[in-house]
Amino acid sequence: MEPVSVVIPTFNEVASIGQVLREIPADYAGDLIVADGGSTDGTQAAAVAAGARVIDAGRGYGRACALGAAASIASSSVIVFLDGDGADRGDLMARIAGPVVVGTHDFVLASRTEGVRDPGSMNWHQVLAGRVAGFGMGVLYGTVYSDMCAFRAIRRDALVALDMREMTYGWNIEMQMKAARAKLRIAEIPIPYRCRIGGESKVAGSLRGTLRAGSKIVSTFLRVATA
């Protein structure tokens, strides 16, 4: 199997990061990178104990993803991203990364809204945002997404070619828009989604976080759409 690197952005997720890392199948666990945003709760030590390399990524979700990908081993042809809160089903990584590894697709992402969700794992506005953004991308590029889930896999060369610029919560939608515009071979796979294991959501956990993330997503959509 082609080498795969897994990038996990974190910020104060000591309660979950160990389980997240340990449940990744062995075939995909050769290069585990935790891109930490300055955790103060022991997340970094827990990640190292569970077998990951930890890099100091500073603040910003997109920055953590970008720096994590840049820190991956050069031989990895596929980069997988997932969150560190335990909600994404890392044990099902083969469903997401497999099509990219074998070469049938360039970009595969999980769909929480099409999969089975634990009660309370997503708020209604998260579901709505994914649907609305997906409709907009369908109008622009002909590729309709159902979600903006963080759990995704992409070929390294495709990621480099996308020239990602967004260092905030707009990272996911920028990737999806640019991938659709570039006519990559894209698939969404329904994946079960859990409630987070611990910690507090930086996006849906407060009105302020929701508004801040929402504004970044909207501004990123407008920037990429008009570029």
Protein backbone atom coordinates (compact mmCIF):
# COMPACT_ATOMS: atom_id res chain seq x y z
CA MET A 1 0.00 0.00 0.00
CA GLU A 2 1.17 3.51 -0.78
CA PRO A 3 2.38 5.44 2.30
CA VAL A 4 -0.29 7.55 3.99
CA SER A 5 0.11 10.44 6.42
CA VAL A 6 -2.65 11.35 8.87
CA VAL A 7 -2.96 14.94 10.08
CA ILE A 8 -5.00 15.75 13.20
CA PRO A 9 -5.41 19.39 14.31
CA THR A 10 -5.89 19.70 18.07
CA PHE A 11 -6.48 22.23 20.79
CA ASN A 12 -7.06 21.03 24.37
CA GLU A 13 -8.27 17.53 23.48
CA VAL A 14 -6.41 15.39 26.01
CA ALA A 15 -9.61 13.45 26.78
CA SER A 16 -9.91 12.16 23.23
CA ILE A 17 -6.62 12.29 21.33
CA GLY A 18 -5.27 8.98 22.65
CA GLN A 19 -8.35 7.06 21.56
CA VAL A 20 -8.42 8.87 18.21
CA LEU A 21 -4.85 7.79 17.47
CA ARG A 22 -5.18 4.25 18.78
CA GLU A 23 -8.25 3.41 16.71
CA ILE A 24 -6.61 4.31 13.38
CA PRO A 25 -6.02 1.03 11.51
CA ALA A 26 -2.41 -0.12 11.42
CA ASP A 27 -2.26 0.17 7.62
CA TYR A 28 -2.80 3.93 7.94
CA ALA A 29 -0.86 4.60 11.13
CA GLY A 30 2.65 4.81 9.73
CA ASP A 31 2.86 8.60 9.92
CA LEU A 32 0.59 10.22 12.51
CA ILE A 33 0.92 13.98 12.90
CA VAL A 34 -0.83 15.98 15.58
CA ALA A 35 -0.78 19.67 14.66
CA ASP A 36 -1.39 21.31 18.00
CA GLY A 37 -2.63 24.85 18.48
CA GLY A 38 -1.07 25.49 21.87
CA SER A 39 -2.92 23.07 24.13
CA THR A 40 -2.50 23.56 27.87
CA ASP A 41 -4.21 20.38 29.08
CA GLY A 42 -1.63 17.72 28.20
CA THR A 43 -2.85 16.99 24.67
CA GLN A 44 0.67 17.03 23.27
CA ALA A 45 2.05 14.51 25.77
CA ALA A 46 -0.96 12.23 25.31
CA ALA A 47 -0.48 12.33 21.53
CA VAL A 48 3.20 11.41 21.81
CA ALA A 49 2.35 8.57 24.19
CA ALA A 50 -0.12 7.24 21.61
CA GLY A 51 2.49 7.20 18.87
CA ALA A 52 2.10 10.53 17.07
CA ARG A 53 4.57 13.21 16.09
CA VAL A 54 3.49 16.57 17.47
CA ILE A 55 4.15 19.90 15.80
CA ASP A 56 3.42 23.36 17.18
CA ALA A 57 1.01 24.77 14.60
CA GLY A 58 -0.05 27.98 16.30
CA ARG A 59 -3.66 29.11 16.17
CA GLY A 60 -5.91 28.62 13.19
CA TYR A 61 -7.58 25.44 11.96
CA GLY A 62 -6.41 25.82 8.38
CA ARG A 63 -2.89 26.66 9.50
CA ALA A 64 -2.78 23.44 11.53
CA CYS A 65 -3.93 21.40 8.53
CA ALA A 66 -1.45 23.08 6.20
CA LEU A 67 1.52 22.75 8.54
CA GLY A 68 0.60 19.18 9.36
CA ALA A 69 0.54 18.27 5.68
CA ALA A 70 3.86 20.07 5.15
CA ALA A 71 5.38 18.05 8.03
CA SER A 72 4.29 14.70 6.61
CA ILE A 73 6.91 12.30 5.33
CA ALA A 74 7.88 12.98 1.72
CA SER A 75 7.07 9.44 0.61
CA SER A 76 3.37 9.76 1.53
CA SER A 77 1.28 10.15 -1.59
CA VAL A 78 -1.98 10.48 0.34
CA ILE A 79 -2.84 12.87 3.18
CA VAL A 80 -5.77 12.14 5.50
CA PHE A 81 -7.30 14.79 7.77
CA LEU A 82 -9.59 14.21 10.74
CA ASP A 83 -10.50 16.02 13.93
CA GLY A 84 -9.02 15.16 17.31
CA ASP A 85 -12.24 15.20 19.35
CA GLY A 86 -13.19 11.59 18.71
CA ALA A 87 -16.32 12.29 16.68
CA ASP A 88 -14.84 11.14 13.37
CA ARG A 89 -14.67 7.36 12.92
CA GLY A 90 -10.96 6.87 12.44
CA ASP A 91 -11.44 3.10 12.60
CA LEU A 92 -13.29 3.41 9.27
CA MET A 93 -10.43 5.27 7.60
CA ALA A 94 -10.15 2.68 4.84
CA ARG A 95 -13.52 3.82 3.48
CA ILE A 96 -12.19 7.35 3.05
CA ALA A 97 -8.53 6.81 2.21
CA GLY A 98 -8.88 3.54 0.32
CA PRO A 99 -10.23 4.97 -2.97
CA VAL A 100 -7.43 7.56 -3.00
CA VAL A 101 -4.75 5.02 -2.18
CA VAL A 102 -5.79 2.66 -4.97
CA GLY A 103 -6.05 5.53 -7.43
CA THR A 104 -9.74 5.56 -8.36
CA HIS A 105 -10.25 9.00 -6.77
CA ASP A 106 -8.19 12.09 -6.00
CA PHE A 107 -10.29 13.46 -3.13
CA VAL A 108 -12.70 11.61 -0.84
CA LEU A 109 -14.52 13.06 2.14
CA ALA A 110 -16.91 11.72 4.73
CA SER A 111 -20.51 12.83 4.80
CA ARG A 112 -21.93 13.06 8.29
CA THR A 113 -25.32 14.18 7.02
CA GLU A 114 -25.71 11.13 4.76
CA GLY A 115 -24.40 8.75 7.40
CA VAL A 116 -25.86 7.62 10.73
CA ARG A 117 -25.35 10.32 13.35
CA ASP A 118 -25.48 9.89 17.11
CA PRO A 119 -28.19 12.08 18.65
CA GLY A 120 -26.72 15.50 19.47
CA SER A 121 -23.55 14.98 17.42
CA MET A 122 -24.47 17.79 15.00
CA ASN A 123 -26.54 20.91 15.46
CA TRP A 124 -29.22 21.79 12.92
CA HIS A 125 -27.27 24.81 11.71
CA GLN A 126 -24.25 22.62 10.92
CA VAL A 127 -26.42 20.36 8.78
CA LEU A 128 -28.02 23.36 7.06
CA ALA A 129 -24.67 25.04 6.42
CA GLY A 130 -23.34 21.93 4.69
CA ARG A 131 -26.42 21.66 2.50
CA VAL A 132 -26.43 25.34 1.54
CA ALA A 133 -22.70 25.41 0.81
CA GLY A 134 -23.02 22.20 -1.18
CA PHE A 135 -25.83 23.67 -3.27
CA GLY A 136 -23.75 26.77 -3.97
CA MET A 137 -20.79 24.71 -5.10
CA GLY A 138 -23.09 22.67 -7.30
CA VAL A 139 -24.29 25.83 -9.01
CA LEU A 140 -20.73 27.06 -9.53
CA TYR A 141 -18.93 23.88 -10.46
CA GLY A 142 -21.45 21.10 -10.95
CA THR A 143 -20.20 19.17 -7.91
CA VAL A 144 -22.75 18.99 -5.11
CA TYR A 145 -21.53 18.19 -1.62
CA SER A 146 -23.74 17.31 1.35
CA ASP A 147 -21.31 18.28 4.11
CA MET A 148 -18.06 20.03 5.03
CA CYS A 149 -16.76 17.24 7.23
CA ALA A 150 -13.15 17.46 8.39
CA PHE A 151 -12.59 13.73 7.74
CA ARG A 152 -11.11 13.58 4.23
CA ALA A 153 -8.30 12.14 2.13
CA ILE A 154 -6.55 13.73 -0.82
CA ARG A 155 -3.59 12.94 -3.03
CA ARG A 156 -0.56 14.99 -2.02
CA ASP A 157 0.04 16.27 -5.54
CA ALA A 158 -3.60 17.34 -5.83
CA LEU A 159 -3.42 19.17 -2.50
CA VAL A 160 -0.28 21.02 -3.56
CA ALA A 161 -1.91 22.00 -6.86
CA LEU A 162 -4.94 23.45 -5.06
CA ASP A 163 -2.67 26.15 -3.58
CA MET A 164 -4.57 26.37 -0.31
CA ARG A 165 -4.55 29.83 1.26
CA GLU A 166 -7.21 29.82 3.99
CA MET A 167 -5.69 29.43 7.46
CA THR A 168 -8.97 29.52 9.40
CA TYR A 169 -12.19 27.48 9.52
CA GLY A 170 -12.63 28.22 5.82
CA TRP A 171 -9.98 25.58 5.00
CA ASN A 172 -12.48 22.78 4.38
CA ILE A 173 -14.75 24.70 2.02
CA GLU A 174 -11.78 26.16 0.14
CA MET A 175 -10.48 22.66 -0.48
CA GLN A 176 -13.88 21.45 -1.66
CA MET A 177 -14.41 24.42 -3.97
CA LYS A 178 -10.97 24.27 -5.52
CA ALA A 179 -11.17 20.49 -5.92
CA ALA A 180 -14.50 20.83 -7.73
CA ARG A 181 -13.19 23.65 -9.91
CA ALA A 182 -10.11 21.59 -10.79
CA LYS A 183 -12.36 18.66 -11.81
CA LEU A 184 -10.69 16.24 -9.43
CA ARG A 185 -12.17 12.77 -9.11
CA ILE A 186 -14.28 13.36 -5.99
CA ALA A 187 -16.48 11.15 -3.85
CA GLU A 188 -18.47 11.64 -0.65
CA ILE A 189 -18.86 8.53 1.50
CA PRO A 190 -21.58 8.30 4.20
CA ILE A 191 -19.80 7.62 7.49
CA PRO A 192 -21.26 7.21 11.00
CA TYR A 193 -20.61 10.22 13.23
CA ARG A 194 -20.32 10.23 17.02
CA CYS A 195 -20.65 12.81 19.75
CA ARG A 196 -17.27 14.22 20.71
CA ILE A 197 -15.49 12.28 23.45
CA GLY A 198 -14.41 15.30 25.48
CA GLY A 199 -13.64 18.98 25.48
CA GLU A 200 -15.72 21.75 23.98
CA SER A 201 -16.38 22.40 20.30
CA LYS A 202 -14.56 25.48 19.05
CA VAL A 203 -17.28 26.01 16.44
CA ALA A 204 -20.64 24.70 17.62
CA GLY A 205 -19.95 24.97 21.35
CA SER A 206 -20.89 28.66 21.59
CA LEU A 207 -22.76 31.33 19.68
CA ARG A 208 -19.55 33.30 19.31
CA GLY A 209 -17.68 30.32 17.89
CA THR A 210 -20.51 29.52 15.49
CA LEU A 211 -20.68 33.09 14.21
CA ARG A 212 -16.91 33.37 13.86
CA ALA A 213 -16.61 30.10 11.93
CA GLY A 214 -19.66 30.93 9.84
CA SER A 215 -18.25 34.28 8.81
CA LYS A 216 -14.97 32.66 7.76
CA ILE A 217 -16.79 30.04 5.70
CA VAL A 218 -18.91 32.68 3.94
CA SER A 219 -15.96 34.97 3.25
CA THR A 220 -13.92 32.04 1.93
CA PHE A 221 -16.76 30.97 -0.35
CA LEU A 222 -17.04 34.46 -1.79
CA ARG A 223 -13.27 34.83 -2.20
CA VAL A 224 -12.81 31.52 -4.02
CA ALA A 225 -15.96 31.94 -6.10
CA THR A 226 -14.81 35.31 -7.42
CA ALA A 227 -11.13 34.44 -7.92
